[in-house]
Amino acid sequence: MELSSIGTLSVVSPDGWPIGVGARFVVDLQGTPALCLREPKQLLANDCSSSFHVQLGQSRSSSRQCTLLGRLVKLDDGLLVKKLSSRWEKKFGENVDEDLIYLIMVKHVLQMEDFEDVVWVTPSEYSNAEPDPLRNFAEQIVYEMGSKHAEDVQRLCNIYVESDFQVTDAKLTWVDRLGFDLHVHSEGGVYAARVPFAREVTDEKGVKSSFNCMFHLAWEVEKGYVLPNFEKVNLLKKVR
């Protein structure tokens, strides 16, 4: 959520009709969205029940969505308002009218991936989740792996992923502190695979070091210089 900036706010209008509008947002430390609503009385019914839907712009190869259900509330915590206002200015390069900031008090969270996998998350699970330390540069790493290390990524797939079909191509789609996602291409379709790192990484230097170690080991295994000392990934999900 922290990496996104625009979502769709859906509410029941005062005359009873459902309505959805695009809205920019920032998040607090728990990932709760804060919106700037310039004409809230024209949108909100008395109970302020709402949902906020965000298309998470992480991987270009998969679609991740998050919908928060809850109530819009006006903040009375002056310190929090100041912090959110500062985040807004940093993110959008403009000042925000602090009187127009509303926070979504989350009651339910729905997460969906590739329009198929639906998971309900409790508010406590959502607010207590730790942001991934690679989130601000993961997309750049994915780009570098695709543009500079395509052959190495293909070798990683061949060595670390167990499949019963001929792999024609492999693409790195996302990376986080625990591992990385691959799209494995074959004549019969495209499959998603998750490959873990040997240990958790916490920064850009660590993730690049982990990839280099895996590249080197995969090359040695491919050449027959060493035997694999890891368990291959055999859980593949067809995505198209």
Foldseek 3Di string as FASTA:
>chain_A
DQVDFKWWKWEQFQVGRIDIDIFTWHADLLRWTKTFDPCVNRGYHPQQWIKIKDFDPAFPVKTKIKIFTAGKDQDPPPVRLVVRQVVCCVVPVDGGDSRRIITGPGQKMWMDMRNPDIDIDGSVCSSPDDDFLCRVCFNVVQVCCVPPPQVLQQLLCVQQADDPADFPGKGWGTATQFFTWIWTDGPVATKIFTDGFPHGDRDPVRVVVSSVVSSVVSVCVVVVVDPDPDHHTYDIGGSD
